[in-house]
Amino acid sequence: MKKTIISLLLAIFMTACATTQLKQQDLHPLMTLETVKANCEVFEEWQIGVVGLTSHVIRYEKCLKVDPLIMIAIDTDVHTDDINRISIDLLAAHYVSFLNKNDETKTYSVEKLKEERDKKDGWLVYYYAVKQKEKEKKE
């Protein structure tokens, strides 16, 4: 009886302490290369070479309920996954810097919405929402 109780308590303790890994919920299931290309109109597009990588920065207005949507895609054939991801982060930071330099009334930032790997062509794609807020007026 004592062994049964100890075994039961041990099982409960192990279950309570067990960590489970929850699958990250895709908050934007419709946001894929195919749906963006089919449903959204390109507002601005830049092809940029970064450390030997081919990349595209594309801005869409009112795309899949995100206004504006920035898509940054990078060719993954040349460098490691870490370099590809850091390069995308660098491009996003440059884009935000560009927006902030050209608008004295607002402050811009980006929020990463989704990451996708295009299996057909081998591109790594990040989707961002551009956030903006009014700058505080200096008195």
N, C-alpha and C. Protein backbone atom coordinates (compact mmCIF):
# COMPACT_ATOMS: atom_id res chain seq x y z
N MET A 1 0.82 -1.19 0.00
CA MET A 1 0.00 0.00 0.00
C MET A 1 0.87 1.26 0.00
N LYS A 2 1.92 1.20 0.83
CA LYS A 2 2.83 2.33 0.92
C LYS A 2 3.53 2.55 -0.41
N LYS A 3 3.94 1.46 -1.07
CA LYS A 3 4.61 1.56 -2.36
C LYS A 3 3.67 2.13 -3.42
N THR A 4 2.40 1.75 -3.35
CA THR A 4 1.41 2.24 -4.31
C THR A 4 1.23 3.75 -4.16
N ILE A 5 1.13 4.21 -2.94
CA ILE A 5 0.94 5.65 -2.69
C ILE A 5 2.17 6.42 -3.14
N ILE A 6 3.36 5.91 -2.81
CA ILE A 6 4.59 6.58 -3.22
C ILE A 6 4.71 6.59 -4.74
N SER A 7 4.38 5.48 -5.38
CA SER A 7 4.42 5.41 -6.84
C SER A 7 3.44 6.38 -7.47
N LEU A 8 2.24 6.47 -6.89
CA LEU A 8 1.22 7.39 -7.39
C LEU A 8 1.67 8.84 -7.23
N LEU A 9 2.21 9.18 -6.06
CA LEU A 9 2.70 10.54 -5.83
C LEU A 9 3.87 10.88 -6.75
N LEU A 10 4.74 9.90 -6.94
CA LEU A 10 5.87 10.10 -7.85
C LEU A 10 5.39 10.33 -9.28
N ALA A 11 4.39 9.58 -9.70
CA ALA A 11 3.84 9.75 -11.05
C ALA A 11 3.19 11.12 -11.20
N ILE A 12 2.46 11.55 -10.18
CA ILE A 12 1.82 12.87 -10.23
C ILE A 12 2.89 13.96 -10.28
N PHE A 13 3.92 13.81 -9.45
CA PHE A 13 5.00 14.79 -9.42
C PHE A 13 5.71 14.88 -10.77
N MET A 14 5.98 13.72 -11.37
CA MET A 14 6.67 13.70 -12.66
C MET A 14 5.80 14.33 -13.75
N THR A 15 4.51 14.06 -13.70
CA THR A 15 3.60 14.64 -14.68
C THR A 15 3.52 16.15 -14.51
N ALA A 16 3.47 16.60 -13.26
CA ALA A 16 3.37 18.04 -12.99
C ALA A 16 4.64 18.77 -13.43
N CYS A 17 5.77 18.11 -13.31
CA CYS A 17 7.05 18.75 -13.65
C CYS A 17 7.42 18.60 -15.12
N ALA A 18 6.73 17.73 -15.80
CA ALA A 18 7.06 17.51 -17.20
C ALA A 18 6.78 18.76 -18.01
N THR A 19 7.67 19.06 -18.90
CA THR A 19 7.46 20.23 -19.76
C THR A 19 6.95 19.74 -21.10
N THR A 20 6.00 20.45 -21.61
CA THR A 20 5.47 20.12 -22.93
C THR A 20 5.76 21.27 -23.85
N GLN A 21 6.06 20.95 -25.05
CA GLN A 21 6.35 21.97 -26.03
C GLN A 21 5.10 22.18 -26.87
N LEU A 22 4.55 23.37 -26.77
CA LEU A 22 3.36 23.69 -27.54
C LEU A 22 3.76 24.12 -28.94
N LYS A 23 3.04 23.64 -29.90
CA LYS A 23 3.29 24.05 -31.28
C LYS A 23 2.86 25.50 -31.43
N GLN A 24 3.73 26.31 -31.99
CA GLN A 24 3.41 27.71 -32.17
C GLN A 24 2.26 27.85 -33.16
N GLN A 25 1.24 28.56 -32.71
CA GLN A 25 0.06 28.74 -33.55
C GLN A 25 0.37 29.74 -34.66
N ASP A 26 -0.01 29.40 -35.86
CA ASP A 26 0.18 30.28 -37.00
C ASP A 26 -0.95 31.31 -36.99
N LEU A 27 -0.61 32.54 -36.63
CA LEU A 27 -1.62 33.59 -36.53
C LEU A 27 -2.03 34.13 -37.89
N HIS A 28 -1.27 33.82 -38.89
CA HIS A 28 -1.55 34.31 -40.24
C HIS A 28 -1.51 33.15 -41.23
N PRO A 29 -2.46 32.21 -41.12
CA PRO A 29 -2.40 31.02 -41.97
C PRO A 29 -2.56 31.31 -43.46
N LEU A 30 -3.21 32.41 -43.79
CA LEU A 30 -3.42 32.74 -45.21
C LEU A 30 -2.23 33.47 -45.82
N MET A 31 -1.29 33.87 -44.98
CA MET A 31 -0.16 34.64 -45.47
C MET A 31 0.92 33.68 -45.97
N THR A 32 0.89 33.43 -47.26
CA THR A 32 1.91 32.61 -47.91
C THR A 32 2.35 33.34 -49.17
N LEU A 33 3.44 32.91 -49.75
CA LEU A 33 3.89 33.53 -50.99
C LEU A 33 2.80 33.51 -52.06
N GLU A 34 2.13 32.38 -52.17
CA GLU A 34 1.10 32.25 -53.20
C GLU A 34 -0.07 33.20 -52.97
N THR A 35 -0.55 33.29 -51.71
CA THR A 35 -1.71 34.16 -51.45
C THR A 35 -1.34 35.63 -51.55
N VAL A 36 -0.13 35.98 -51.13
CA VAL A 36 0.30 37.37 -51.24
C VAL A 36 0.43 37.76 -52.71
N LYS A 37 1.07 36.92 -53.50
CA LYS A 37 1.22 37.22 -54.93
C LYS A 37 -0.13 37.30 -55.64
N ALA A 38 -1.07 36.44 -55.25
CA ALA A 38 -2.36 36.39 -55.92
C ALA A 38 -3.31 37.51 -55.48
N ASN A 39 -3.18 37.99 -54.24
CA ASN A 39 -4.18 38.91 -53.70
C ASN A 39 -3.69 40.31 -53.39
N CYS A 40 -2.42 40.56 -53.50
CA CYS A 40 -1.88 41.85 -53.08
C CYS A 40 -1.10 42.52 -54.21
N GLU A 41 -1.18 43.82 -54.24
CA GLU A 41 -0.49 44.58 -55.27
C GLU A 41 0.78 45.20 -54.69
N VAL A 42 1.87 45.03 -55.40
CA VAL A 42 3.15 45.58 -54.96
C VAL A 42 3.08 47.10 -55.00
N PHE A 43 3.45 47.73 -53.88
CA PHE A 43 3.48 49.19 -53.80
C PHE A 43 4.89 49.69 -54.06
N GLU A 44 5.90 49.03 -53.47
CA GLU A 44 7.31 49.35 -53.69
C GLU A 44 8.09 48.04 -53.67
N GLU A 45 9.16 47.98 -54.45
CA GLU A 45 10.00 46.79 -54.44
C GLU A 45 11.45 47.18 -54.69
N TRP A 46 12.33 46.58 -53.87
CA TRP A 46 13.75 46.78 -54.04
C TRP A 46 14.44 45.43 -54.10
N GLN A 47 15.38 45.29 -55.01
CA GLN A 47 16.24 44.11 -55.04
C GLN A 47 17.59 44.59 -54.52
N ILE A 48 18.05 43.95 -53.45
CA ILE A 48 19.24 44.43 -52.75
C ILE A 48 20.22 43.28 -52.58
N GLY A 49 21.49 43.56 -52.82
CA GLY A 49 22.54 42.58 -52.55
C GLY A 49 23.13 42.84 -51.18
N VAL A 50 23.11 41.84 -50.32
CA VAL A 50 23.66 41.96 -48.98
C VAL A 50 24.66 40.83 -48.79
N VAL A 51 25.90 41.16 -48.51
CA VAL A 51 26.99 40.20 -48.31
C VAL A 51 26.92 39.01 -49.27
N GLY A 52 26.72 39.31 -50.53
CA GLY A 52 26.68 38.26 -51.54
C GLY A 52 25.36 37.53 -51.66
N LEU A 53 24.33 38.00 -50.97
CA LEU A 53 23.01 37.38 -51.03
C LEU A 53 22.08 38.19 -51.91
N THR A 54 21.25 37.52 -52.64
CA THR A 54 20.19 38.20 -53.38
C THR A 54 18.99 38.30 -52.46
N SER A 55 18.44 39.50 -52.36
CA SER A 55 17.28 39.68 -51.50
C SER A 55 16.30 40.65 -52.14
N HIS A 56 15.05 40.54 -51.68
CA HIS A 56 13.98 41.42 -52.14
C HIS A 56 13.28 41.99 -50.92
N VAL A 57 13.02 43.28 -50.95
CA VAL A 57 12.21 43.95 -49.94
C VAL A 57 11.00 44.49 -50.69
N ILE A 58 9.82 44.02 -50.31
CA ILE A 58 8.60 44.38 -51.04
C ILE A 58 7.58 44.92 -50.05
N ARG A 59 7.00 46.05 -50.41
CA ARG A 59 5.96 46.68 -49.59
C ARG A 59 4.62 46.54 -50.30
N TYR A 60 3.62 46.10 -49.53
CA TYR A 60 2.25 45.98 -50.02
C TYR A 60 1.37 46.88 -49.15
N GLU A 61 0.42 47.55 -49.77
CA GLU A 61 -0.57 48.32 -49.03
C GLU A 61 -1.83 47.48 -48.87
N LYS A 62 -2.37 47.45 -47.67
CA LYS A 62 -3.61 46.72 -47.36
C LYS A 62 -3.59 45.31 -47.92
N CYS A 63 -2.65 44.54 -47.48
CA CYS A 63 -2.49 43.17 -47.96
C CYS A 63 -2.90 42.19 -46.86
N LEU A 64 -3.91 41.40 -47.12
CA LEU A 64 -4.40 40.39 -46.17
C LEU A 64 -4.61 40.99 -44.78
N LYS A 65 -5.27 42.14 -44.75
CA LYS A 65 -5.63 42.87 -43.53
C LYS A 65 -4.44 43.48 -42.79
N VAL A 66 -3.29 43.55 -43.44
CA VAL A 66 -2.12 44.20 -42.85
C VAL A 66 -1.78 45.40 -43.72
N ASP A 67 -1.66 46.57 -43.08
CA ASP A 67 -1.41 47.80 -43.83
C ASP A 67 -0.36 48.64 -43.13
N PRO A 68 0.79 48.78 -43.69
CA PRO A 68 1.35 48.08 -44.83
C PRO A 68 2.03 46.77 -44.40
N LEU A 69 2.19 45.90 -45.35
CA LEU A 69 2.88 44.63 -45.16
C LEU A 69 4.23 44.71 -45.87
N ILE A 70 5.28 44.33 -45.16
CA ILE A 70 6.61 44.26 -45.75
C ILE A 70 7.00 42.80 -45.84
N MET A 71 7.44 42.39 -47.00
CA MET A 71 7.92 41.03 -47.19
C MET A 71 9.40 41.12 -47.56
N ILE A 72 10.23 40.43 -46.80
CA ILE A 72 11.66 40.39 -47.09
C ILE A 72 12.01 38.94 -47.40
N ALA A 73 12.54 38.72 -48.60
CA ALA A 73 12.89 37.37 -49.05
C ALA A 73 14.37 37.34 -49.38
N ILE A 74 15.01 36.23 -49.01
CA ILE A 74 16.45 36.11 -49.24
C ILE A 74 16.75 34.71 -49.77
N ASP A 75 17.65 34.65 -50.74
CA ASP A 75 18.06 33.38 -51.33
C ASP A 75 18.92 32.62 -50.32
N THR A 76 18.60 31.37 -50.07
CA THR A 76 19.28 30.60 -49.02
C THR A 76 20.36 29.68 -49.56
N ASP A 77 20.68 29.77 -50.84
CA ASP A 77 21.65 28.85 -51.43
C ASP A 77 23.10 29.16 -51.07
N VAL A 78 23.40 30.40 -50.66
CA VAL A 78 24.78 30.83 -50.53
C VAL A 78 25.36 30.64 -49.13
N HIS A 79 24.62 31.07 -48.10
CA HIS A 79 25.18 31.12 -46.75
C HIS A 79 24.41 30.23 -45.78
N THR A 80 24.86 30.23 -44.54
CA THR A 80 24.22 29.44 -43.49
C THR A 80 22.88 30.07 -43.10
N ASP A 81 22.09 29.29 -42.39
CA ASP A 81 20.79 29.76 -41.93
C ASP A 81 20.95 30.98 -41.01
N ASP A 82 21.95 30.98 -40.13
CA ASP A 82 22.17 32.13 -39.24
C ASP A 82 22.45 33.40 -40.02
N ILE A 83 23.32 33.31 -41.02
CA ILE A 83 23.65 34.49 -41.83
C ILE A 83 22.42 34.97 -42.59
N ASN A 84 21.62 34.04 -43.12
CA ASN A 84 20.39 34.43 -43.82
C ASN A 84 19.43 35.18 -42.90
N ARG A 85 19.23 34.66 -41.70
CA ARG A 85 18.31 35.30 -40.76
C ARG A 85 18.82 36.67 -40.30
N ILE A 86 20.11 36.74 -40.00
CA ILE A 86 20.70 38.02 -39.59
C ILE A 86 20.61 39.03 -40.73
N SER A 87 20.79 38.58 -41.96
CA SER A 87 20.69 39.48 -43.11
C SER A 87 19.28 40.03 -43.26
N ILE A 88 18.27 39.19 -43.02
CA ILE A 88 16.89 39.68 -43.08
C ILE A 88 16.64 40.69 -41.98
N ASP A 89 17.13 40.41 -40.76
CA ASP A 89 16.98 41.36 -39.66
C ASP A 89 17.66 42.69 -39.99
N LEU A 90 18.83 42.62 -40.63
CA LEU A 90 19.55 43.82 -41.04
C LEU A 90 18.75 44.62 -42.07
N LEU A 91 18.18 43.94 -43.04
CA LEU A 91 17.35 44.62 -44.04
C LEU A 91 16.14 45.27 -43.40
N ALA A 92 15.50 44.60 -42.45
CA ALA A 92 14.35 45.19 -41.75
C ALA A 92 14.77 46.43 -40.97
N ALA A 93 15.93 46.36 -40.31
CA ALA A 93 16.43 47.52 -39.56
C ALA A 93 16.75 48.69 -40.49
N HIS A 94 17.33 48.40 -41.64
CA HIS A 94 17.61 49.46 -42.63
C HIS A 94 16.30 50.07 -43.15
N TYR A 95 15.31 49.25 -43.36
CA TYR A 95 14.03 49.77 -43.85
C TYR A 95 13.41 50.72 -42.82
N VAL A 96 13.43 50.31 -41.55
CA VAL A 96 12.89 51.16 -40.49
C VAL A 96 13.69 52.46 -40.40
N SER A 97 15.00 52.38 -40.51
CA SER A 97 15.84 53.57 -40.49
C SER A 97 15.49 54.50 -41.65
N PHE A 98 15.28 53.93 -42.83
CA PHE A 98 14.88 54.71 -44.00
C PHE A 98 13.57 55.45 -43.75
N LEU A 99 12.59 54.74 -43.19
CA LEU A 99 11.30 55.37 -42.90
C LEU A 99 11.44 56.49 -41.88
N ASN A 100 12.20 56.24 -40.83
CA ASN A 100 12.37 57.24 -39.77
C ASN A 100 13.12 58.48 -40.25
N LYS A 101 14.08 58.31 -41.15
CA LYS A 101 14.83 59.46 -41.67
C LYS A 101 13.97 60.33 -42.57
N ASN A 102 12.99 59.74 -43.24
CA ASN A 102 12.20 60.47 -44.22
C ASN A 102 10.87 60.99 -43.68
N ASP A 103 10.61 60.83 -42.39
CA ASP A 103 9.36 61.32 -41.82
C ASP A 103 9.66 61.92 -40.45
N GLU A 104 9.54 63.22 -40.35
CA GLU A 104 9.85 63.90 -39.09
C GLU A 104 8.70 63.88 -38.11
N THR A 105 7.53 63.41 -38.52
CA THR A 105 6.36 63.46 -37.65
C THR A 105 6.04 62.12 -36.98
N LYS A 106 6.61 61.02 -37.47
CA LYS A 106 6.28 59.70 -36.96
C LYS A 106 7.53 58.89 -36.66
N THR A 107 7.36 57.92 -35.78
CA THR A 107 8.41 56.95 -35.48
C THR A 107 7.91 55.59 -35.95
N TYR A 108 8.75 54.88 -36.69
CA TYR A 108 8.37 53.60 -37.28
C TYR A 108 9.09 52.44 -36.61
N SER A 109 8.44 51.29 -36.67
CA SER A 109 9.04 50.03 -36.24
C SER A 109 8.35 48.92 -37.03
N VAL A 110 8.91 47.72 -36.97
CA VAL A 110 8.28 46.59 -37.64
C VAL A 110 8.02 45.49 -36.62
N GLU A 111 6.97 44.74 -36.87
CA GLU A 111 6.63 43.58 -36.05
C GLU A 111 6.62 42.35 -36.96
N LYS A 112 7.45 41.38 -36.63
CA LYS A 112 7.51 40.17 -37.44
C LYS A 112 6.22 39.37 -37.26
N LEU A 113 5.58 39.06 -38.37
CA LEU A 113 4.32 38.33 -38.34
C LEU A 113 4.50 36.84 -38.58
N LYS A 114 5.37 36.53 -39.53
CA LYS A 114 5.48 35.14 -39.93
C LYS A 114 6.80 34.92 -40.66
N GLU A 115 7.24 33.68 -40.61
CA GLU A 115 8.43 33.25 -41.35
C GLU A 115 8.00 32.06 -42.21
N GLU A 116 8.50 32.04 -43.43
CA GLU A 116 8.14 30.96 -44.35
C GLU A 116 9.36 30.59 -45.18
N ARG A 117 9.52 29.33 -45.42
CA ARG A 117 10.58 28.87 -46.32
C ARG A 117 9.91 28.36 -47.59
N ASP A 118 10.27 28.99 -48.70
CA ASP A 118 9.74 28.58 -50.00
C ASP A 118 10.49 27.33 -50.45
N LYS A 119 9.82 26.20 -50.37
CA LYS A 119 10.47 24.93 -50.69
C LYS A 119 10.80 24.81 -52.18
N LYS A 120 10.01 25.46 -53.01
CA LYS A 120 10.21 25.36 -54.46
C LYS A 120 11.50 26.03 -54.91
N ASP A 121 11.72 27.26 -54.47
CA ASP A 121 12.87 28.04 -54.93
C ASP A 121 13.96 28.23 -53.87
N GLY A 122 13.72 27.79 -52.65
CA GLY A 122 14.74 27.88 -51.61
C GLY A 122 14.90 29.25 -50.98
N TRP A 123 13.87 30.07 -50.98
CA TRP A 123 13.95 31.40 -50.39
C TRP A 123 13.44 31.35 -48.95
N LEU A 124 14.04 32.17 -48.09
CA LEU A 124 13.54 32.38 -46.74
C LEU A 124 12.80 33.71 -46.76
N VAL A 125 11.56 33.70 -46.28
CA VAL A 125 10.70 34.89 -46.38
C VAL A 125 10.19 35.26 -44.99
N TYR A 126 10.33 36.53 -44.64
CA TYR A 126 9.76 37.07 -43.41
C TYR A 126 8.68 38.08 -43.81
N TYR A 127 7.60 38.08 -43.05
CA TYR A 127 6.52 39.06 -43.23
C TYR A 127 6.49 39.97 -42.01
N TYR A 128 6.40 41.27 -42.25
CA TYR A 128 6.38 42.25 -41.17
C TYR A 128 5.20 43.20 -41.34
N ALA A 129 4.64 43.62 -40.21
CA ALA A 129 3.70 44.73 -40.18
C ALA A 129 4.49 45.97 -39.79
N VAL A 130 4.23 47.06 -40.46
CA VAL A 130 4.90 48.32 -40.12
C VAL A 130 4.01 49.06 -39.13
N LYS A 131 4.62 49.39 -38.00
CA LYS A 131 3.92 50.13 -36.94
C LYS A 131 4.43 51.56 -36.96
N GLN A 132 3.54 52.49 -36.66
CA GLN A 132 3.94 53.90 -36.61
C GLN A 132 3.22 54.60 -35.48
N LYS A 133 3.90 55.57 -34.91
CA LYS A 133 3.26 56.40 -33.91
C LYS A 133 3.76 57.83 -34.07
N GLU A 134 2.94 58.75 -33.66
CA GLU A 134 3.29 60.16 -33.78
C GLU A 134 4.43 60.49 -32.82
N LYS A 135 5.38 61.28 -33.31
CA LYS A 135 6.47 61.73 -32.46
C LYS A 135 5.94 62.77 -31.49
N GLU A 136 6.49 62.75 -30.28
CA GLU A 136 6.11 63.76 -29.31
C GLU A 136 6.69 65.10 -29.74
N LYS A 137 5.88 66.12 -29.66
CA LYS A 137 6.33 67.46 -30.06
C LYS A 137 7.20 68.05 -28.96
N LYS A 138 8.34 68.58 -29.39
CA LYS A 138 9.25 69.24 -28.45
C LYS A 138 8.76 70.66 -28.20
N GLU A 139 8.75 71.00 -26.96
CA GLU A 139 8.28 72.36 -26.62
C GLU A 139 9.40 73.27 -26.30
